[in-house]
Amino acid sequence: MNVVIDGRFVLNEADLHRRLAGALGYGPRYRYDVDDLREHLAAGDPRPVQLVWVHAEGIRMALGVPVFDELVGMLREIATNDAGRDPDERFVFHILG
């Protein structure tokens, strides 16, 4: 699964979580926060997935630097942990612009 989030259209943190939840198929029990996103992704839900943030500067502006850095750090950590897995079982994260 390929998920592209375009930072030009992200309004705030809640909006980003709504976009991620919809794209990743998280249901109504998703709490729309960093901890729940971490739990889902660290547990392998879903796989394989490639998450790409384009125009990431827009996401940084919408979230603020501390929240943006926390999210990016968490996503990179999960991607690093998955790096040795079979390609069909990996989470991959890229930031563009």
PDB file of N, CA and C in Angstrom:
ATOM      1  N   MET A   1       0.849  -1.165   0.000  1.00  0.00           N
ATOM      2  CA  MET A   1       0.000   0.000   0.000  1.00  0.00           C
ATOM      3  C   MET A   1       0.898   1.232   0.000  1.00  0.00           C
ATOM      4  N   ASN A   2       0.583   2.176  -0.846  1.00  0.00           N
ATOM      5  CA  ASN A   2       1.287   3.455  -0.893  1.00  0.00           C
ATOM      6  C   ASN A   2       0.351   4.542  -0.391  1.00  0.00           C
ATOM      7  N   VAL A   3       0.825   5.306   0.580  1.00  0.00           N
ATOM      8  CA  VAL A   3       0.045   6.403   1.151  1.00  0.00           C
ATOM      9  C   VAL A   3       0.861   7.675   0.972  1.00  0.00           C
ATOM     10  N   VAL A   4       0.262   8.647   0.300  1.00  0.00           N
ATOM     11  CA  VAL A   4       0.918   9.937   0.084  1.00  0.00           C
ATOM     12  C   VAL A   4       0.109  11.003   0.807  1.00  0.00           C
ATOM     13  N   ILE A   5       0.783  11.741   1.679  1.00  0.00           N
ATOM     14  CA  ILE A   5       0.164  12.866   2.379  1.00  0.00           C
ATOM     15  C   ILE A   5       0.801  14.134   1.835  1.00  0.00           C
ATOM     16  N   ASP A   6      -0.026  15.011   1.268  1.00  0.00           N
ATOM     17  CA  ASP A   6       0.454  16.264   0.694  1.00  0.00           C
ATOM     18  C   ASP A   6       0.323  17.365   1.739  1.00  0.00           C
ATOM     19  N   GLY A   7       1.466  17.846   2.192  1.00  0.00           N
ATOM     20  CA  GLY A   7       1.503  18.846   3.250  1.00  0.00           C
ATOM     21  C   GLY A   7       0.813  20.154   2.922  1.00  0.00           C
ATOM     22  N   ARG A   8       0.591  20.427   1.654  1.00  0.00           N
ATOM     23  CA  ARG A   8      -0.091  21.672   1.290  1.00  0.00           C
ATOM     24  C   ARG A   8      -1.541  21.690   1.770  1.00  0.00           C
ATOM     25  N   PHE A   9      -2.082  20.512   2.080  1.00  0.00           N
ATOM     26  CA  PHE A   9      -3.497  20.427   2.435  1.00  0.00           C
ATOM     27  C   PHE A   9      -3.746  20.016   3.883  1.00  0.00           C
ATOM     28  N   VAL A  10      -2.686  19.806   4.653  1.00  0.00           N
ATOM     29  CA  VAL A  10      -2.832  19.428   6.061  1.00  0.00           C
ATOM     30  C   VAL A  10      -3.082  20.686   6.878  1.00  0.00           C
ATOM     31  N   LEU A  11      -4.183  20.689   7.616  1.00  0.00           N
ATOM     32  CA  LEU A  11      -4.590  21.872   8.364  1.00  0.00           C
ATOM     33  C   LEU A  11      -4.009  21.937   9.768  1.00  0.00           C
ATOM     34  N   ASN A  12      -3.935  20.777  10.441  1.00  0.00           N
ATOM     35  CA  ASN A  12      -3.455  20.713  11.819  1.00  0.00           C
ATOM     36  C   ASN A  12      -3.209  19.250  12.172  1.00  0.00           C
ATOM     37  N   GLU A  13      -2.850  18.984  13.417  1.00  0.00           N
ATOM     38  CA  GLU A  13      -2.530  17.617  13.818  1.00  0.00           C
ATOM     39  C   GLU A  13      -3.737  16.689  13.682  1.00  0.00           C
ATOM     40  N   ALA A  14      -4.902  17.150  14.094  1.00  0.00           N
ATOM     41  CA  ALA A  14      -6.107  16.318  13.992  1.00  0.00           C
ATOM     42  C   ALA A  14      -6.399  15.967  12.538  1.00  0.00           C
ATOM     43  N   ASP A  15      -6.210  16.922  11.650  1.00  0.00           N
ATOM     44  CA  ASP A  15      -6.438  16.680  10.227  1.00  0.00           C
ATOM     45  C   ASP A  15      -5.450  15.644   9.693  1.00  0.00           C
ATOM     46  N   LEU A  16      -4.196  15.729  10.094  1.00  0.00           N
ATOM     47  CA  LEU A  16      -3.210  14.747   9.656  1.00  0.00           C
ATOM     48  C   LEU A  16      -3.609  13.353  10.130  1.00  0.00           C
ATOM     49  N   HIS A  17      -4.027  13.234  11.380  1.00  0.00           N
ATOM     50  CA  HIS A  17      -4.443  11.923  11.892  1.00  0.00           C
ATOM     51  C   HIS A  17      -5.679  11.401  11.166  1.00  0.00           C
ATOM     52  N   ARG A  18      -6.610  12.269  10.814  1.00  0.00           N
ATOM     53  CA  ARG A  18      -7.783  11.839  10.046  1.00  0.00           C
ATOM     54  C   ARG A  18      -7.352  11.286   8.689  1.00  0.00           C
ATOM     55  N   ARG A  19      -6.422  11.978   8.049  1.00  0.00           N
ATOM     56  CA  ARG A  19      -5.928  11.520   6.748  1.00  0.00           C
ATOM     57  C   ARG A  19      -5.207  10.178   6.868  1.00  0.00           C
ATOM     58  N   LEU A  20      -4.360  10.062   7.881  1.00  0.00           N
ATOM     59  CA  LEU A  20      -3.633   8.799   8.079  1.00  0.00           C
ATOM     60  C   LEU A  20      -4.594   7.663   8.422  1.00  0.00           C
ATOM     61  N   ALA A  21      -5.532   7.912   9.317  1.00  0.00           N
ATOM     62  CA  ALA A  21      -6.484   6.871   9.718  1.00  0.00           C
ATOM     63  C   ALA A  21      -7.295   6.382   8.520  1.00  0.00           C
ATOM     64  N   GLY A  22      -7.738   7.303   7.691  1.00  0.00           N
ATOM     65  CA  GLY A  22      -8.502   6.915   6.510  1.00  0.00           C
ATOM     66  C   GLY A  22      -7.666   6.109   5.530  1.00  0.00           C
ATOM     67  N   ALA A  23      -6.460   6.567   5.261  1.00  0.00           N
ATOM     68  CA  ALA A  23      -5.599   5.910   4.288  1.00  0.00           C
ATOM     69  C   ALA A  23      -5.116   4.542   4.772  1.00  0.00           C
ATOM     70  N   LEU A  24      -4.888   4.406   6.078  1.00  0.00           N
ATOM     71  CA  LEU A  24      -4.368   3.156   6.624  1.00  0.00           C
ATOM     72  C   LEU A  24      -5.467   2.192   7.056  1.00  0.00           C
ATOM     73  N   GLY A  25      -6.720   2.625   6.960  1.00  0.00           N
ATOM     74  CA  GLY A  25      -7.841   1.750   7.274  1.00  0.00           C
ATOM     75  C   GLY A  25      -8.112   1.569   8.754  1.00  0.00           C
ATOM     76  N   TYR A  26      -7.714   2.541   9.561  1.00  0.00           N
ATOM     77  CA  TYR A  26      -7.980   2.462  10.991  1.00  0.00           C
ATOM     78  C   TYR A  26      -9.433   2.847  11.237  1.00  0.00           C
ATOM     79  N   GLY A  27     -10.110   2.062  12.005  1.00  0.00           N
ATOM     80  CA  GLY A  27     -11.532   2.259  12.236  1.00  0.00           C
ATOM     81  C   GLY A  27     -11.848   3.286  13.294  1.00  0.00           C
ATOM     82  N   PRO A  28     -13.078   3.257  13.770  1.00  0.00           N
ATOM     83  CA  PRO A  28     -13.562   4.265  14.710  1.00  0.00           C
ATOM     84  C   PRO A  28     -12.893   4.193  16.085  1.00  0.00           C
ATOM     85  N   ARG A  29     -12.165   3.133  16.373  1.00  0.00           N
ATOM     86  CA  ARG A  29     -11.489   3.036  17.670  1.00  0.00           C
ATOM     87  C   ARG A  29     -10.132   3.726  17.671  1.00  0.00           C
ATOM     88  N   TYR A  30      -9.694   4.200  16.521  1.00  0.00           N
ATOM     89  CA  TYR A  30      -8.432   4.935  16.451  1.00  0.00           C
ATOM     90  C   TYR A  30      -8.590   6.246  17.216  1.00  0.00           C
ATOM     91  N   ARG A  31      -7.611   6.568  18.067  1.00  0.00           N
ATOM     92  CA  ARG A  31      -7.722   7.726  18.963  1.00  0.00           C
ATOM     93  C   ARG A  31      -7.180   9.031  18.369  1.00  0.00           C
ATOM     94  N   TYR A  32      -6.667   8.982  17.148  1.00  0.00           N
ATOM     95  CA  TYR A  32      -6.190  10.191  16.478  1.00  0.00           C
ATOM     96  C   TYR A  32      -5.088  10.895  17.269  1.00  0.00           C
ATOM     97  N   ASP A  33      -4.086  10.107  17.705  1.00  0.00           N
ATOM     98  CA  ASP A  33      -2.938  10.702  18.381  1.00  0.00           C
ATOM     99  C   ASP A  33      -1.676   9.904  18.068  1.00  0.00           C
ATOM    100  N   VAL A  34      -0.544  10.462  18.432  1.00  0.00           N
ATOM    101  CA  VAL A  34       0.755   9.860  18.123  1.00  0.00           C
ATOM    102  C   VAL A  34       0.901   8.490  18.779  1.00  0.00           C
ATOM    103  N   ASP A  35       0.445   8.355  20.009  1.00  0.00           N
ATOM    104  CA  ASP A  35       0.600   7.082  20.713  1.00  0.00           C
ATOM    105  C   ASP A  35      -0.173   5.962  20.026  1.00  0.00           C
ATOM    106  N   ASP A  36      -1.395   6.240  19.602  1.00  0.00           N
ATOM    107  CA  ASP A  36      -2.186   5.212  18.938  1.00  0.00           C
ATOM    108  C   ASP A  36      -1.596   4.875  17.569  1.00  0.00           C
ATOM    109  N   LEU A  37      -1.127   5.884  16.866  1.00  0.00           N
ATOM    110  CA  LEU A  37      -0.481   5.634  15.576  1.00  0.00           C
ATOM    111  C   LEU A  37       0.739   4.742  15.779  1.00  0.00           C
ATOM    112  N   ARG A  38       1.538   5.050  16.779  1.00  0.00           N
ATOM    113  CA  ARG A  38       2.718   4.232  17.092  1.00  0.00           C
ATOM    114  C   ARG A  38       2.316   2.790  17.393  1.00  0.00           C
ATOM    115  N   GLU A  39       1.287   2.610  18.217  1.00  0.00           N
ATOM    116  CA  GLU A  39       0.834   1.259  18.572  1.00  0.00           C
ATOM    117  C   GLU A  39       0.446   0.460  17.337  1.00  0.00           C
ATOM    118  N   HIS A  40      -0.337   1.076  16.471  1.00  0.00           N
ATOM    119  CA  HIS A  40      -0.771   0.387  15.247  1.00  0.00           C
ATOM    120  C   HIS A  40       0.416   0.025  14.361  1.00  0.00           C
ATOM    121  N   LEU A  41       1.254   1.002  14.092  1.00  0.00           N
ATOM    122  CA  LEU A  41       2.362   0.761  13.164  1.00  0.00           C
ATOM    123  C   LEU A  41       3.399  -0.189  13.753  1.00  0.00           C
ATOM    124  N   ALA A  42       3.706  -0.060  15.026  1.00  0.00           N
ATOM    125  CA  ALA A  42       4.681  -0.952  15.651  1.00  0.00           C
ATOM    126  C   ALA A  42       4.178  -2.389  15.686  1.00  0.00           C
ATOM    127  N   ALA A  43       2.864  -2.558  15.728  1.00  0.00           N
ATOM    128  CA  ALA A  43       2.270  -3.897  15.735  1.00  0.00           C
ATOM    129  C   ALA A  43       2.176  -4.494  14.332  1.00  0.00           C
ATOM    130  N   GLY A  44       2.541  -3.707  13.324  1.00  0.00           N
ATOM    131  CA  GLY A  44       2.500  -4.219  11.952  1.00  0.00           C
ATOM    132  C   GLY A  44       1.189  -3.990  11.241  1.00  0.00           C
ATOM    133  N   ASP A  45       0.429  -3.025  11.664  1.00  0.00           N
ATOM    134  CA  ASP A  45      -0.890  -2.747  11.101  1.00  0.00           C
ATOM    135  C   ASP A  45      -0.862  -1.438  10.321  1.00  0.00           C
ATOM    136  N   PRO A  46      -0.980  -1.410   9.050  1.00  0.00           N
ATOM    137  CA  PRO A  46      -0.957  -2.504   8.072  1.00  0.00           C
ATOM    138  C   PRO A  46       0.460  -2.714   7.541  1.00  0.00           C
ATOM    139  N   ARG A  47       0.659  -3.757   6.810  1.00  0.00           N
ATOM    140  CA  ARG A  47       1.910  -4.039   6.112  1.00  0.00           C
ATOM    141  C   ARG A  47       1.580  -4.723   4.803  1.00  0.00           C
ATOM    142  N   PRO A  48       2.320  -4.550   3.776  1.00  0.00           N
ATOM    143  CA  PRO A  48       3.357  -3.527   3.631  1.00  0.00           C
ATOM    144  C   PRO A  48       2.726  -2.162   3.409  1.00  0.00           C
ATOM    145  N   VAL A  49       3.456  -1.140   3.798  1.00  0.00           N
ATOM    146  CA  VAL A  49       2.998   0.226   3.562  1.00  0.00           C
ATOM    147  C   VAL A  49       4.207   1.126   3.344  1.00  0.00           C
ATOM    148  N   GLN A  50       4.063   2.004   2.374  1.00  0.00           N
ATOM    149  CA  GLN A  50       5.048   3.054   2.139  1.00  0.00           C
ATOM    150  C   GLN A  50       4.325   4.378   2.346  1.00  0.00           C
ATOM    151  N   LEU A  51       4.747   5.115   3.350  1.00  0.00           N
ATOM    152  CA  LEU A  51       4.165   6.416   3.666  1.00  0.00           C
ATOM    153  C   LEU A  51       5.109   7.494   3.169  1.00  0.00           C
ATOM    154  N   VAL A  52       4.584   8.381   2.338  1.00  0.00           N
ATOM    155  CA  VAL A  52       5.378   9.467   1.768  1.00  0.00           C
ATOM    156  C   VAL A  52       4.693  10.785   2.105  1.00  0.00           C
ATOM    157  N   TRP A  53       5.469  11.681   2.702  1.00  0.00           N
ATOM    158  CA  TRP A  53       4.987  13.043   2.945  1.00  0.00           C
ATOM    159  C   TRP A  53       5.623  13.936   1.893  1.00  0.00           C
ATOM    160  N   VAL A  54       4.799  14.505   1.017  1.00  0.00           N
ATOM    161  CA  VAL A  54       5.292  15.478   0.047  1.00  0.00           C
ATOM    162  C   VAL A  54       4.932  16.871   0.557  1.00  0.00           C
ATOM    163  N   HIS A  55       5.731  17.850   0.180  1.00  0.00           N
ATOM    164  CA  HIS A  55       5.547  19.214   0.689  1.00  0.00           C
ATOM    165  C   HIS A  55       5.495  19.181   2.213  1.00  0.00           C
ATOM    166  N   ALA A  56       6.457  18.457   2.797  1.00  0.00           N
ATOM    167  CA  ALA A  56       6.479  18.227   4.241  1.00  0.00           C
ATOM    168  C   ALA A  56       6.605  19.524   5.042  1.00  0.00           C
ATOM    169  N   GLU A  57       7.135  20.561   4.434  1.00  0.00           N
ATOM    170  CA  GLU A  57       7.231  21.842   5.146  1.00  0.00           C
ATOM    171  C   GLU A  57       5.839  22.332   5.541  1.00  0.00           C
ATOM    172  N   GLY A  58       4.833  22.052   4.719  1.00  0.00           N
ATOM    173  CA  GLY A  58       3.452  22.404   5.066  1.00  0.00           C
ATOM    174  C   GLY A  58       2.963  21.651   6.291  1.00  0.00           C
ATOM    175  N   ILE A  59       3.369  20.390   6.412  1.00  0.00           N
ATOM    176  CA  ILE A  59       3.005  19.602   7.591  1.00  0.00           C
ATOM    177  C   ILE A  59       3.698  20.170   8.816  1.00  0.00           C
ATOM    178  N   ARG A  60       4.961  20.529   8.661  1.00  0.00           N
ATOM    179  CA  ARG A  60       5.712  21.113   9.787  1.00  0.00           C
ATOM    180  C   ARG A  60       5.036  22.403  10.259  1.00  0.00           C
ATOM    181  N   MET A  61       4.603  23.222   9.336  1.00  0.00           N
ATOM    182  CA  MET A  61       3.941  24.480   9.698  1.00  0.00           C
ATOM    183  C   MET A  61       2.591  24.218  10.364  1.00  0.00           C
ATOM    184  N   ALA A  62       1.849  23.230   9.878  1.00  0.00           N
ATOM    185  CA  ALA A  62       0.522  22.940  10.423  1.00  0.00           C
ATOM    186  C   ALA A  62       0.594  22.335  11.817  1.00  0.00           C
ATOM    187  N   LEU A  63       1.639  21.524  12.083  1.00  0.00           N
ATOM    188  CA  LEU A  63       1.757  20.831  13.358  1.00  0.00           C
ATOM    189  C   LEU A  63       2.589  21.589  14.376  1.00  0.00           C
ATOM    190  N   GLY A  64       3.493  22.407  13.893  1.00  0.00           N
ATOM    191  CA  GLY A  64       4.488  23.023  14.762  1.00  0.00           C
ATOM    192  C   GLY A  64       5.691  22.099  14.844  1.00  0.00           C
ATOM    193  N   VAL A  65       6.853  22.682  15.064  1.00  0.00           N
ATOM    194  CA  VAL A  65       8.104  21.917  15.027  1.00  0.00           C
ATOM    195  C   VAL A  65       8.147  20.784  16.054  1.00  0.00           C
ATOM    196  N   PRO A  66       7.770  21.002  17.328  1.00  0.00           N
ATOM    197  CA  PRO A  66       7.884  19.897  18.294  1.00  0.00           C
ATOM    198  C   PRO A  66       7.044  18.671  17.925  1.00  0.00           C
ATOM    199  N   VAL A  67       5.804  18.876  17.516  1.00  0.00           N
ATOM    200  CA  VAL A  67       4.927  17.751  17.160  1.00  0.00           C
ATOM    201  C   VAL A  67       5.421  17.096  15.872  1.00  0.00           C
ATOM    202  N   PHE A  68       5.805  17.914  14.904  1.00  0.00           N
ATOM    203  CA  PHE A  68       6.342  17.385  13.644  1.00  0.00           C
ATOM    204  C   PHE A  68       7.564  16.512  13.916  1.00  0.00           C
ATOM    205  N   ASP A  69       8.496  17.025  14.710  1.00  0.00           N
ATOM    206  CA  ASP A  69       9.708  16.267  15.009  1.00  0.00           C
ATOM    207  C   ASP A  69       9.402  14.970  15.755  1.00  0.00           C
ATOM    208  N   GLU A  70       8.448  15.000  16.664  1.00  0.00           N
ATOM    209  CA  GLU A  70       8.056  13.786  17.388  1.00  0.00           C
ATOM    210  C   GLU A  70       7.494  12.742  16.424  1.00  0.00           C
ATOM    211  N   LEU A  71       6.595  13.162  15.540  1.00  0.00           N
ATOM    212  CA  LEU A  71       6.000  12.243  14.569  1.00  0.00           C
ATOM    213  C   LEU A  71       7.052  11.677  13.620  1.00  0.00           C
ATOM    214  N   VAL A  72       7.881  12.535  13.084  1.00  0.00           N
ATOM    215  CA  VAL A  72       8.915  12.087  12.144  1.00  0.00           C
ATOM    216  C   VAL A  72       9.864  11.110  12.838  1.00  0.00           C
ATOM    217  N   GLY A  73      10.266  11.416  14.052  1.00  0.00           N
ATOM    218  CA  GLY A  73      11.151  10.519  14.792  1.00  0.00           C
ATOM    219  C   GLY A  73      10.517   9.156  15.001  1.00  0.00           C
ATOM    220  N   MET A  74       9.254   9.140  15.376  1.00  0.00           N
ATOM    221  CA  MET A  74       8.542   7.887  15.602  1.00  0.00           C
ATOM    222  C   MET A  74       8.415   7.093  14.306  1.00  0.00           C
ATOM    223  N   LEU A  75       8.052   7.764  13.211  1.00  0.00           N
ATOM    224  CA  LEU A  75       7.888   7.078  11.929  1.00  0.00           C
ATOM    225  C   LEU A  75       9.223   6.534  11.418  1.00  0.00           C
ATOM    226  N   ARG A  76      10.276   7.301  11.588  1.00  0.00           N
ATOM    227  CA  ARG A  76      11.603   6.829  11.171  1.00  0.00           C
ATOM    228  C   ARG A  76      12.045   5.634  12.013  1.00  0.00           C
ATOM    229  N   GLU A  77      11.751   5.660  13.295  1.00  0.00           N
ATOM    230  CA  GLU A  77      12.114   4.550  14.172  1.00  0.00           C
ATOM    231  C   GLU A  77      11.421   3.259  13.733  1.00  0.00           C
ATOM    232  N   ILE A  78      10.147   3.351  13.432  1.00  0.00           N
ATOM    233  CA  ILE A  78       9.407   2.161  12.996  1.00  0.00           C
ATOM    234  C   ILE A  78       9.944   1.672  11.658  1.00  0.00           C
ATOM    235  N   ALA A  79      10.229   2.593  10.752  1.00  0.00           N
ATOM    236  CA  ALA A  79      10.798   2.204   9.459  1.00  0.00           C
ATOM    237  C   ALA A  79      12.156   1.529   9.644  1.00  0.00           C
ATOM    238  N   THR A  80      12.973   2.049  10.532  1.00  0.00           N
ATOM    239  CA  THR A  80      14.286   1.447  10.810  1.00  0.00           C
ATOM    240  C   THR A  80      14.124   0.046  11.389  1.00  0.00           C
ATOM    241  N   ASN A  81      13.174  -0.120  12.287  1.00  0.00           N
ATOM    242  CA  ASN A  81      12.931  -1.437  12.882  1.00  0.00           C
ATOM    243  C   ASN A  81      12.455  -2.451  11.846  1.00  0.00           C
ATOM    244  N   ASP A  82      11.770  -1.987  10.809  1.00  0.00           N
ATOM    245  CA  ASP A  82      11.256  -2.872   9.763  1.00  0.00           C
ATOM    246  C   ASP A  82      12.259  -3.110   8.640  1.00  0.00           C
ATOM    247  N   ALA A  83      13.371  -2.393   8.627  1.00  0.00           N
ATOM    248  CA  ALA A  83      14.304  -2.436   7.495  1.00  0.00           C
ATOM    249  C   ALA A  83      14.803  -3.837   7.172  1.00  0.00           C
ATOM    250  N   GLY A  84      14.957  -4.695   8.148  1.00  0.00           N
ATOM    251  CA  GLY A  84      15.464  -6.037   7.914  1.00  0.00           C
ATOM    252  C   GLY A  84      14.404  -7.056   7.546  1.00  0.00           C
ATOM    253  N   ARG A  85      13.163  -6.642   7.534  1.00  0.00           N
ATOM    254  CA  ARG A  85      12.061  -7.563   7.231  1.00  0.00           C
ATOM    255  C   ARG A  85      11.911  -7.782   5.727  1.00  0.00           C
ATOM    256  N   ASP A  86      11.156  -8.807   5.405  1.00  0.00           N
ATOM    257  CA  ASP A  86      10.787  -9.079   4.029  1.00  0.00           C
ATOM    258  C   ASP A  86      10.037  -7.861   3.472  1.00  0.00           C
ATOM    259  N   PRO A  87      10.246  -7.504   2.204  1.00  0.00           N
ATOM    260  CA  PRO A  87       9.574  -6.321   1.647  1.00  0.00           C
ATOM    261  C   PRO A  87       8.049  -6.324   1.809  1.00  0.00           C
ATOM    262  N   ASP A  88       7.435  -7.485   1.864  1.00  0.00           N
ATOM    263  CA  ASP A  88       5.981  -7.557   2.035  1.00  0.00           C
ATOM    264  C   ASP A  88       5.542  -7.320   3.476  1.00  0.00           C
ATOM    265  N   GLU A  89       6.509  -7.111   4.376  1.00  0.00           N
ATOM    266  CA  GLU A  89       6.196  -6.912   5.790  1.00  0.00           C
ATOM    267  C   GLU A  89       6.784  -5.617   6.338  1.00  0.00           C
ATOM    268  N   ARG A  90       7.128  -4.694   5.447  1.00  0.00           N
ATOM    269  CA  ARG A  90       7.819  -3.473   5.867  1.00  0.00           C
ATOM    270  C   ARG A  90       6.922  -2.243   5.897  1.00  0.00           C
ATOM    271  N   PHE A  91       7.295  -1.362   6.822  1.00  0.00           N
ATOM    272  CA  PHE A  91       6.811   0.013   6.819  1.00  0.00           C
ATOM    273  C   PHE A  91       7.985   0.869   6.342  1.00  0.00           C
ATOM    274  N   VAL A  92       7.733   1.684   5.327  1.00  0.00           N
ATOM    275  CA  VAL A  92       8.761   2.559   4.756  1.00  0.00           C
ATOM    276  C   VAL A  92       8.223   3.982   4.843  1.00  0.00           C
ATOM    277  N   PHE A  93       9.096   4.910   5.229  1.00  0.00           N
ATOM    278  CA  PHE A  93       8.692   6.310   5.388  1.00  0.00           C
ATOM    279  C   PHE A  93       9.671   7.215   4.651  1.00  0.00           C
ATOM    280  N   HIS A  94       9.114   8.135   3.857  1.00  0.00           N
ATOM    281  CA  HIS A  94       9.922   9.112   3.115  1.00  0.00           C
ATOM    282  C   HIS A  94       9.339  10.507   3.307  1.00  0.00           C
ATOM    283  N   ILE A  95      10.224  11.487   3.401  1.00  0.00           N
ATOM    284  CA  ILE A  95       9.818  12.890   3.431  1.00  0.00           C
ATOM    285  C   ILE A  95      10.384  13.562   2.195  1.00  0.00           C
ATOM    286  N   LEU A  96       9.522  14.239   1.461  1.00  0.00           N
ATOM    287  CA  LEU A  96       9.942  14.967   0.264  1.00  0.00           C
ATOM    288  C   LEU A  96       9.510  16.424   0.410  1.00  0.00           C
ATOM    289  N   GLY A  97      10.489  17.296   0.345  1.00  0.00           N
ATOM    290  CA  GLY A  97      10.234  18.738   0.357  1.00  0.00           C
ATOM    291  C   GLY A  97       9.505  19.163   1.551  1.00  0.00           C
TER     292      GLY A  97
END
